[in-house]
Amino acid sequence: MKTKIIQNKSLGRYRSMDFEWPDDNAKPGQFVMVRVVDSVDPLLRRPMSIANLADGRMNIIYSVAGRGTALMAEKTAGEFLDIIGPFGSSFDPPKTAKNLFCVMGGVGAAPFVFFQNRNKDRRMTAFFGAANKKGLALRHPFHETHFSTEDGSEGKRGLVTDILLEQLVLKNNDAYIMACGPKGMLKAVDDICVKNKISGELSLEERMGCGFGVCLGCVVVTDEGNKRVCVEGPVFKAGSIKW
């Protein structure tokens, strides 16, 4: 649909965009595909994880990583975007899971902000990692948040999986882990889940051409064969991906 931009503002090293979205038809973990210009250059839409949907407006968080997102950053309130979606699978932890551990890197925090807003009664412990303090710009009042930076500029020095392991020991492994972020982080979280026999879900970030399963540009190998990240994913069960 053609939707009007409500705001497009800086959020530290990231950007936050709100636009009109009349339908309450999205779930945490799903994404939309954004056409950044009306012309064919750039041709492909950009996949954007949904950070919130409420009161007729949708929020996405993105980083300027290339020409397409640079053009998005120039958009102002009142302009229109061509957006299709939502697409993909969503996070669906069992109701019986009491310790929800959310591991995130960079804009990987977006779906968990959405999840917390939709599940205010569920306690979530967030583990937010980045290379430095600037990468932790996307803040949200989770019930409990642990920060880590590789350079030690905020939180614990090291990787986000280091502080995750510490808390798993404290919680006696009674946890359900959800993760979204860079592939290296996701693989490390997946290894932790498999080694400690902990259930969880991983949201994969892959390049997408269409967003709805036609182009086959985002296929990953799983224990059930090849799967499309845009359709069968982006959320997969921990232990199912063949890295």
C-alpha atoms as a PDB file:
ATOM      1  CA  MET A   1       0.000   0.000   0.000  1.00  0.00           C
ATOM      2  CA  LYS A   2       0.944   3.633  -0.312  1.00  0.00           C
ATOM      3  CA  THR A   3       1.360   4.870   3.224  1.00  0.00           C
ATOM      4  CA  LYS A   4       2.099   8.311   4.648  1.00  0.00           C
ATOM      5  CA  ILE A   5       5.236   8.840   6.716  1.00  0.00           C
ATOM      6  CA  ILE A   6       4.519  10.243  10.175  1.00  0.00           C
ATOM      7  CA  GLN A   7       8.115  10.717  11.270  1.00  0.00           C
ATOM      8  CA  ASN A   8      11.624   9.713  10.203  1.00  0.00           C
ATOM      9  CA  LYS A   9      14.157  10.619  12.858  1.00  0.00           C
ATOM     10  CA  SER A  10      17.676   9.886  13.980  1.00  0.00           C
ATOM     11  CA  LEU A  11      18.141   7.346  16.762  1.00  0.00           C
ATOM     12  CA  GLY A  12      21.848   7.495  17.445  1.00  0.00           C
ATOM     13  CA  ARG A  13      23.553   5.470  14.725  1.00  0.00           C
ATOM     14  CA  TYR A  14      20.147   4.160  13.602  1.00  0.00           C
ATOM     15  CA  ARG A  15      16.940   5.728  12.316  1.00  0.00           C
ATOM     16  CA  SER A  16      13.336   5.309  13.422  1.00  0.00           C
ATOM     17  CA  MET A  17      10.472   5.685  10.953  1.00  0.00           C
ATOM     18  CA  ASP A  18       6.737   5.721  11.720  1.00  0.00           C
ATOM     19  CA  PHE A  19       4.092   5.531   9.001  1.00  0.00           C
ATOM     20  CA  GLU A  20       0.366   5.008   8.807  1.00  0.00           C
ATOM     21  CA  TRP A  21      -0.746   1.381   8.899  1.00  0.00           C
ATOM     22  CA  PRO A  22      -4.500   0.856   9.338  1.00  0.00           C
ATOM     23  CA  ASP A  23      -4.505  -2.918   9.895  1.00  0.00           C
ATOM     24  CA  ASP A  24      -3.419  -4.677  13.094  1.00  0.00           C
ATOM     25  CA  ASN A  25      -2.120  -7.567  11.032  1.00  0.00           C
ATOM     26  CA  ALA A  26       1.495  -8.061  12.099  1.00  0.00           C
ATOM     27  CA  LYS A  27       3.211 -10.246  14.680  1.00  0.00           C
ATOM     28  CA  PRO A  28       6.604  -9.778  16.386  1.00  0.00           C
ATOM     29  CA  GLY A  29       9.314 -11.183  14.147  1.00  0.00           C
ATOM     30  CA  GLN A  30       7.605 -10.395  10.866  1.00  0.00           C
ATOM     31  CA  PHE A  31       8.845  -7.818   8.363  1.00  0.00           C
ATOM     32  CA  VAL A  32       7.689  -5.529   5.548  1.00  0.00           C
ATOM     33  CA  MET A  33       9.258  -4.789   2.162  1.00  0.00           C
ATOM     34  CA  VAL A  34       9.813  -1.088   1.439  1.00  0.00           C
ATOM     35  CA  ARG A  35      10.208   0.501  -1.983  1.00  0.00           C
ATOM     36  CA  VAL A  36      12.405   3.495  -1.256  1.00  0.00           C
ATOM     37  CA  VAL A  37      11.721   5.417  -4.495  1.00  0.00           C
ATOM     38  CA  ASP A  38       8.990   5.463  -7.161  1.00  0.00           C
ATOM     39  CA  SER A  39      11.458   4.753  -9.961  1.00  0.00           C
ATOM     40  CA  VAL A  40      13.251   1.466 -10.746  1.00  0.00           C
ATOM     41  CA  ASP A  41      16.588   2.623  -9.372  1.00  0.00           C
ATOM     42  CA  PRO A  42      17.173   1.117  -6.901  1.00  0.00           C
ATOM     43  CA  LEU A  43      15.012  -1.733  -8.161  1.00  0.00           C
ATOM     44  CA  LEU A  44      14.623  -4.012  -5.158  1.00  0.00           C
ATOM     45  CA  ARG A  45      12.616  -3.335  -2.028  1.00  0.00           C
ATOM     46  CA  ARG A  46      14.334  -3.337   1.363  1.00  0.00           C
ATOM     47  CA  PRO A  47      13.207  -5.790   4.088  1.00  0.00           C
ATOM     48  CA  MET A  48      12.521  -4.038   7.396  1.00  0.00           C
ATOM     49  CA  SER A  49      11.756  -5.729  10.703  1.00  0.00           C
ATOM     50  CA  ILE A  50       8.674  -4.366  12.457  1.00  0.00           C
ATOM     51  CA  ALA A  51       9.515  -2.648  15.747  1.00  0.00           C
ATOM     52  CA  ASN A  52       5.938  -1.776  16.727  1.00  0.00           C
ATOM     53  CA  LEU A  53       2.373  -1.590  15.470  1.00  0.00           C
ATOM     54  CA  ALA A  54      -0.275   0.262  17.445  1.00  0.00           C
ATOM     55  CA  ASP A  55      -2.940   2.942  17.025  1.00  0.00           C
ATOM     56  CA  GLY A  56      -2.812   2.914  13.243  1.00  0.00           C
ATOM     57  CA  ARG A  57       0.939   3.394  12.892  1.00  0.00           C
ATOM     58  CA  MET A  58       3.833   1.061  12.258  1.00  0.00           C
ATOM     59  CA  ASN A  59       7.412   1.643  13.374  1.00  0.00           C
ATOM     60  CA  ILE A  60      10.572   0.311  11.774  1.00  0.00           C
ATOM     61  CA  ILE A  61      14.177   0.747  12.885  1.00  0.00           C
ATOM     62  CA  TYR A  62      16.908   0.748  10.257  1.00  0.00           C
ATOM     63  CA  SER A  63      20.534   1.640   9.736  1.00  0.00           C
ATOM     64  CA  VAL A  64      21.923   3.455   6.703  1.00  0.00           C
ATOM     65  CA  ALA A  65      23.979   0.743   5.057  1.00  0.00           C
ATOM     66  CA  GLY A  66      23.792   1.583   1.353  1.00  0.00           C
ATOM     67  CA  ARG A  67      22.158   3.711  -1.304  1.00  0.00           C
ATOM     68  CA  GLY A  68      18.632   2.435  -0.675  1.00  0.00           C
ATOM     69  CA  THR A  69      18.582   3.122   3.043  1.00  0.00           C
ATOM     70  CA  ALA A  70      20.371   6.435   2.454  1.00  0.00           C
ATOM     71  CA  LEU A  71      17.428   7.464   0.269  1.00  0.00           C
ATOM     72  CA  MET A  72      15.036   6.305   2.987  1.00  0.00           C
ATOM     73  CA  ALA A  73      16.828   8.508   5.492  1.00  0.00           C
ATOM     74  CA  GLU A  74      16.042  11.555   3.341  1.00  0.00           C
ATOM     75  CA  LYS A  75      12.279  10.967   3.494  1.00  0.00           C
ATOM     76  CA  THR A  76      10.269  13.426   5.585  1.00  0.00           C
ATOM     77  CA  ALA A  77       6.887  13.453   7.314  1.00  0.00           C
ATOM     78  CA  GLY A  78       4.024  13.759   4.844  1.00  0.00           C
ATOM     79  CA  GLU A  79       5.781  11.891   2.033  1.00  0.00           C
ATOM     80  CA  PHE A  80       4.572   8.472   0.937  1.00  0.00           C
ATOM     81  CA  LEU A  81       6.198   5.039   0.754  1.00  0.00           C
ATOM     82  CA  ASP A  82       5.124   1.927  -1.162  1.00  0.00           C
ATOM     83  CA  ILE A  83       5.132  -0.945   1.356  1.00  0.00           C
ATOM     84  CA  ILE A  84       3.996  -4.568   1.130  1.00  0.00           C
ATOM     85  CA  GLY A  85       3.641  -7.077   3.938  1.00  0.00           C
ATOM     86  CA  PRO A  86       3.787  -8.163   6.645  1.00  0.00           C
ATOM     87  CA  PHE A  87       5.647 -11.323   5.678  1.00  0.00           C
ATOM     88  CA  GLY A  88       7.287 -14.286   7.357  1.00  0.00           C
ATOM     89  CA  SER A  89       7.003 -16.239  10.565  1.00  0.00           C
ATOM     90  CA  SER A  90       6.931 -14.756  14.047  1.00  0.00           C
ATOM     91  CA  PHE A  91       8.351 -15.431  17.493  1.00  0.00           C
ATOM     92  CA  ASP A  92       6.075 -17.829  19.338  1.00  0.00           C
ATOM     93  CA  PRO A  93       7.530 -18.919  22.697  1.00  0.00           C
ATOM     94  CA  PRO A  94       5.339 -21.313  24.687  1.00  0.00           C
ATOM     95  CA  LYS A  95       3.128 -19.765  27.334  1.00  0.00           C
ATOM     96  CA  THR A  96       4.805 -22.005  29.906  1.00  0.00           C
ATOM     97  CA  ALA A  97       8.242 -20.421  29.293  1.00  0.00           C
ATOM     98  CA  LYS A  98       8.840 -18.200  32.319  1.00  0.00           C
ATOM     99  CA  ASN A  99      12.381 -16.954  31.612  1.00  0.00           C
ATOM    100  CA  LEU A 100      12.367 -15.365  28.167  1.00  0.00           C
ATOM    101  CA  PHE A 101      15.949 -14.457  27.258  1.00  0.00           C
ATOM    102  CA  CYS A 102      16.180 -12.104  24.255  1.00  0.00           C
ATOM    103  CA  VAL A 103      19.601 -11.813  22.637  1.00  0.00           C
ATOM    104  CA  MET A 104      20.022  -8.937  20.221  1.00  0.00           C
ATOM    105  CA  GLY A 105      22.622  -7.070  18.221  1.00  0.00           C
ATOM    106  CA  GLY A 106      22.098  -3.672  16.576  1.00  0.00           C
ATOM    107  CA  VAL A 107      18.702  -3.322  14.880  1.00  0.00           C
ATOM    108  CA  GLY A 108      18.071  -6.912  15.965  1.00  0.00           C
ATOM    109  CA  ALA A 109      16.421  -5.352  19.008  1.00  0.00           C
ATOM    110  CA  ALA A 110      13.427  -4.231  16.902  1.00  0.00           C
ATOM    111  CA  PRO A 111      11.270  -7.396  17.002  1.00  0.00           C
ATOM    112  CA  PHE A 112      11.734  -7.723  20.754  1.00  0.00           C
ATOM    113  CA  VAL A 113      10.511  -4.180  21.337  1.00  0.00           C
ATOM    114  CA  PHE A 114       7.405  -5.206  19.386  1.00  0.00           C
ATOM    115  CA  PHE A 115       7.110  -8.477  21.324  1.00  0.00           C
ATOM    116  CA  GLN A 116       7.373  -6.738  24.702  1.00  0.00           C
ATOM    117  CA  ASN A 117       4.756  -4.159  23.709  1.00  0.00           C
ATOM    118  CA  ARG A 118       2.395  -6.977  22.722  1.00  0.00           C
ATOM    119  CA  ASN A 119       3.190  -9.116  25.785  1.00  0.00           C
ATOM    120  CA  LYS A 120       3.527  -6.683  28.671  1.00  0.00           C
ATOM    121  CA  ASP A 121       2.657  -9.396  31.203  1.00  0.00           C
ATOM    122  CA  ARG A 122       5.585 -11.626  30.175  1.00  0.00           C
ATOM    123  CA  ARG A 123       8.946 -11.043  31.816  1.00  0.00           C
ATOM    124  CA  MET A 124      11.768 -10.557  29.334  1.00  0.00           C
ATOM    125  CA  THR A 125      15.477 -10.408  30.075  1.00  0.00           C
ATOM    126  CA  ALA A 126      17.332  -8.648  27.268  1.00  0.00           C
ATOM    127  CA  PHE A 127      20.975  -9.139  26.277  1.00  0.00           C
ATOM    128  CA  PHE A 128      22.106  -6.319  24.004  1.00  0.00           C
ATOM    129  CA  GLY A 129      25.528  -6.470  22.397  1.00  0.00           C
ATOM    130  CA  ALA A 130      27.428  -4.162  20.057  1.00  0.00           C
ATOM    131  CA  ALA A 131      30.938  -3.229  19.002  1.00  0.00           C
ATOM    132  CA  ASN A 132      30.767  -0.009  21.038  1.00  0.00           C
ATOM    133  CA  LYS A 133      28.391   2.242  22.967  1.00  0.00           C
ATOM    134  CA  LYS A 134      27.037   3.879  19.808  1.00  0.00           C
ATOM    135  CA  GLY A 135      25.637   0.524  18.743  1.00  0.00           C
ATOM    136  CA  LEU A 136      23.397   0.395  21.821  1.00  0.00           C
ATOM    137  CA  ALA A 137      21.298   3.384  20.773  1.00  0.00           C
ATOM    138  CA  LEU A 138      18.044   1.426  20.507  1.00  0.00           C
ATOM    139  CA  ARG A 139      16.909   1.433  24.147  1.00  0.00           C
ATOM    140  CA  HIS A 140      13.676  -0.063  25.475  1.00  0.00           C
ATOM    141  CA  PRO A 141      12.469  -0.647  29.044  1.00  0.00           C
ATOM    142  CA  PHE A 142      12.638  -4.425  29.171  1.00  0.00           C
ATOM    143  CA  HIS A 143      12.166  -5.941  32.608  1.00  0.00           C
ATOM    144  CA  GLU A 144      15.921  -6.522  32.823  1.00  0.00           C
ATOM    145  CA  THR A 145      18.675  -5.556  30.384  1.00  0.00           C
ATOM    146  CA  HIS A 146      22.324  -6.581  30.233  1.00  0.00           C
ATOM    147  CA  PHE A 147      24.698  -4.694  27.933  1.00  0.00           C
ATOM    148  CA  SER A 148      28.006  -5.742  26.430  1.00  0.00           C
ATOM    149  CA  THR A 149      30.418  -3.977  24.100  1.00  0.00           C
ATOM    150  CA  GLU A 150      33.490  -5.362  22.439  1.00  0.00           C
ATOM    151  CA  ASP A 151      35.527  -2.272  23.389  1.00  0.00           C
ATOM    152  CA  GLY A 152      34.144  -2.008  26.934  1.00  0.00           C
ATOM    153  CA  SER A 153      32.643   1.469  26.381  1.00  0.00           C
ATOM    154  CA  GLU A 154      29.411   0.348  28.078  1.00  0.00           C
ATOM    155  CA  GLY A 155      28.370  -2.696  30.036  1.00  0.00           C
ATOM    156  CA  LYS A 156      30.589  -5.756  30.176  1.00  0.00           C
ATOM    157  CA  ARG A 157      33.550  -5.947  27.824  1.00  0.00           C
ATOM    158  CA  GLY A 158      33.207  -8.844  25.412  1.00  0.00           C
ATOM    159  CA  LEU A 159      30.523 -10.586  23.406  1.00  0.00           C
ATOM    160  CA  VAL A 160      26.832 -10.650  24.194  1.00  0.00           C
ATOM    161  CA  THR A 161      26.971 -14.446  24.433  1.00  0.00           C
ATOM    162  CA  ASP A 162      29.379 -14.118  27.368  1.00  0.00           C
ATOM    163  CA  ILE A 163      26.784 -12.372  29.539  1.00  0.00           C
ATOM    164  CA  LEU A 164      24.098 -14.737  28.273  1.00  0.00           C
ATOM    165  CA  LEU A 165      26.083 -17.720  29.530  1.00  0.00           C
ATOM    166  CA  GLU A 166      26.563 -16.070  32.923  1.00  0.00           C
ATOM    167  CA  GLN A 167      22.820 -15.605  33.355  1.00  0.00           C
ATOM    168  CA  LEU A 168      22.069 -19.131  32.173  1.00  0.00           C
ATOM    169  CA  VAL A 169      24.184 -20.418  35.039  1.00  0.00           C
ATOM    170  CA  LEU A 170      22.390 -18.131  37.521  1.00  0.00           C
ATOM    171  CA  LYS A 171      18.974 -19.178  36.231  1.00  0.00           C
ATOM    172  CA  ASN A 172      19.868 -22.887  36.206  1.00  0.00           C
ATOM    173  CA  ASN A 173      19.202 -23.034  32.462  1.00  0.00           C
ATOM    174  CA  ASP A 174      15.469 -22.545  32.990  1.00  0.00           C
ATOM    175  CA  ALA A 175      15.171 -20.318  29.931  1.00  0.00           C
ATOM    176  CA  TYR A 176      13.724 -19.964  26.468  1.00  0.00           C
ATOM    177  CA  ILE A 177      16.085 -18.048  24.185  1.00  0.00           C
ATOM    178  CA  MET A 178      15.073 -15.766  21.312  1.00  0.00           C
ATOM    179  CA  ALA A 179      17.720 -14.052  19.209  1.00  0.00           C
ATOM    180  CA  CYS A 180      18.001 -11.587  16.338  1.00  0.00           C
ATOM    181  CA  GLY A 181      21.156  -9.995  14.985  1.00  0.00           C
ATOM    182  CA  PRO A 182      24.285 -10.685  12.930  1.00  0.00           C
ATOM    183  CA  LYS A 183      24.858 -14.221  11.656  1.00  0.00           C
ATOM    184  CA  GLY A 184      27.941 -14.800  13.828  1.00  0.00           C
ATOM    185  CA  MET A 185      25.982 -13.928  16.947  1.00  0.00           C
ATOM    186  CA  LEU A 186      23.076 -16.148  15.917  1.00  0.00           C
ATOM    187  CA  LYS A 187      25.365 -19.120  15.319  1.00  0.00           C
ATOM    188  CA  ALA A 188      26.945 -18.639  18.752  1.00  0.00           C
ATOM    189  CA  VAL A 189      23.507 -18.452  20.405  1.00  0.00           C
ATOM    190  CA  ASP A 190      22.410 -21.537  18.473  1.00  0.00           C
ATOM    191  CA  ASP A 191      25.477 -23.425  19.694  1.00  0.00           C
ATOM    192  CA  ILE A 192      24.620 -22.453  23.289  1.00  0.00           C
ATOM    193  CA  CYS A 193      21.048 -23.689  22.868  1.00  0.00           C
ATOM    194  CA  VAL A 194      22.156 -27.025  21.396  1.00  0.00           C
ATOM    195  CA  LYS A 195      24.956 -27.609  23.906  1.00  0.00           C
ATOM    196  CA  ASN A 196      22.774 -26.777  26.919  1.00  0.00           C
ATOM    197  CA  LYS A 197      19.603 -28.412  25.520  1.00  0.00           C
ATOM    198  CA  ILE A 198      17.692 -25.126  25.709  1.00  0.00           C
ATOM    199  CA  SER A 199      14.748 -24.416  23.425  1.00  0.00           C
ATOM    200  CA  GLY A 200      14.659 -21.201  21.479  1.00  0.00           C
ATOM    201  CA  GLU A 201      14.112 -19.330  18.231  1.00  0.00           C
ATOM    202  CA  LEU A 202      16.447 -17.434  15.918  1.00  0.00           C
ATOM    203  CA  SER A 203      15.504 -14.661  13.487  1.00  0.00           C
ATOM    204  CA  LEU A 204      17.827 -14.770  10.481  1.00  0.00           C
ATOM    205  CA  GLU A 205      18.942 -11.723   8.548  1.00  0.00           C
ATOM    206  CA  GLU A 206      19.371 -12.525   4.848  1.00  0.00           C
ATOM    207  CA  ARG A 207      19.350 -10.520   1.626  1.00  0.00           C
ATOM    208  CA  MET A 208      15.906 -10.703   0.019  1.00  0.00           C
ATOM    209  CA  GLY A 209      14.823  -9.916  -3.513  1.00  0.00           C
ATOM    210  CA  CYS A 210      11.047 -10.283  -3.321  1.00  0.00           C
ATOM    211  CA  GLY A 211      10.099 -11.041   0.297  1.00  0.00           C
ATOM    212  CA  PHE A 212       7.424 -13.603  -0.511  1.00  0.00           C
ATOM    213  CA  GLY A 213       9.230 -16.722  -1.710  1.00  0.00           C
ATOM    214  CA  VAL A 214       9.404 -16.337  -5.491  1.00  0.00           C
ATOM    215  CA  CYS A 215      13.007 -15.353  -6.183  1.00  0.00           C
ATOM    216  CA  LEU A 216      14.620 -17.989  -3.912  1.00  0.00           C
ATOM    217  CA  GLY A 217      17.377 -15.530  -3.042  1.00  0.00           C
ATOM    218  CA  CYS A 218      17.250 -16.104   0.710  1.00  0.00           C
ATOM    219  CA  VAL A 219      17.340 -19.906   0.965  1.00  0.00           C
ATOM    220  CA  VAL A 220      19.094 -21.491   3.952  1.00  0.00           C
ATOM    221  CA  VAL A 221      19.777 -25.146   4.699  1.00  0.00           C
ATOM    222  CA  THR A 222      17.945 -26.673   7.673  1.00  0.00           C
ATOM    223  CA  ASP A 223      17.560 -30.151   9.114  1.00  0.00           C
ATOM    224  CA  GLU A 224      14.356 -30.385   7.049  1.00  0.00           C
ATOM    225  CA  GLY A 225      16.001 -29.309   3.800  1.00  0.00           C
ATOM    226  CA  ASN A 226      16.176 -25.936   2.076  1.00  0.00           C
ATOM    227  CA  LYS A 227      13.916 -23.219   3.501  1.00  0.00           C
ATOM    228  CA  ARG A 228      13.139 -19.668   2.388  1.00  0.00           C
ATOM    229  CA  VAL A 229      13.923 -17.096   5.085  1.00  0.00           C
ATOM    230  CA  CYS A 230      11.150 -14.821   3.812  1.00  0.00           C
ATOM    231  CA  VAL A 231       8.414 -17.487   4.002  1.00  0.00           C
ATOM    232  CA  GLU A 232       9.348 -20.347   6.332  1.00  0.00           C
ATOM    233  CA  GLY A 233      11.432 -17.843   8.317  1.00  0.00           C
ATOM    234  CA  PRO A 234      12.797 -15.448   9.302  1.00  0.00           C
ATOM    235  CA  VAL A 235      12.183 -17.127  12.683  1.00  0.00           C
ATOM    236  CA  PHE A 236      13.495 -20.701  12.931  1.00  0.00           C
ATOM    237  CA  LYS A 237      13.744 -23.097  15.836  1.00  0.00           C
ATOM    238  CA  ALA A 238      17.129 -23.218  17.542  1.00  0.00           C
ATOM    239  CA  GLY A 239      19.119 -26.252  16.421  1.00  0.00           C
ATOM    240  CA  SER A 240      17.450 -26.463  13.005  1.00  0.00           C
ATOM    241  CA  ILE A 241      19.872 -24.392  10.887  1.00  0.00           C
ATOM    242  CA  LYS A 242      22.801 -26.017   9.091  1.00  0.00           C
ATOM    243  CA  TRP A 243      25.406 -23.293   9.460  1.00  0.00           C
END
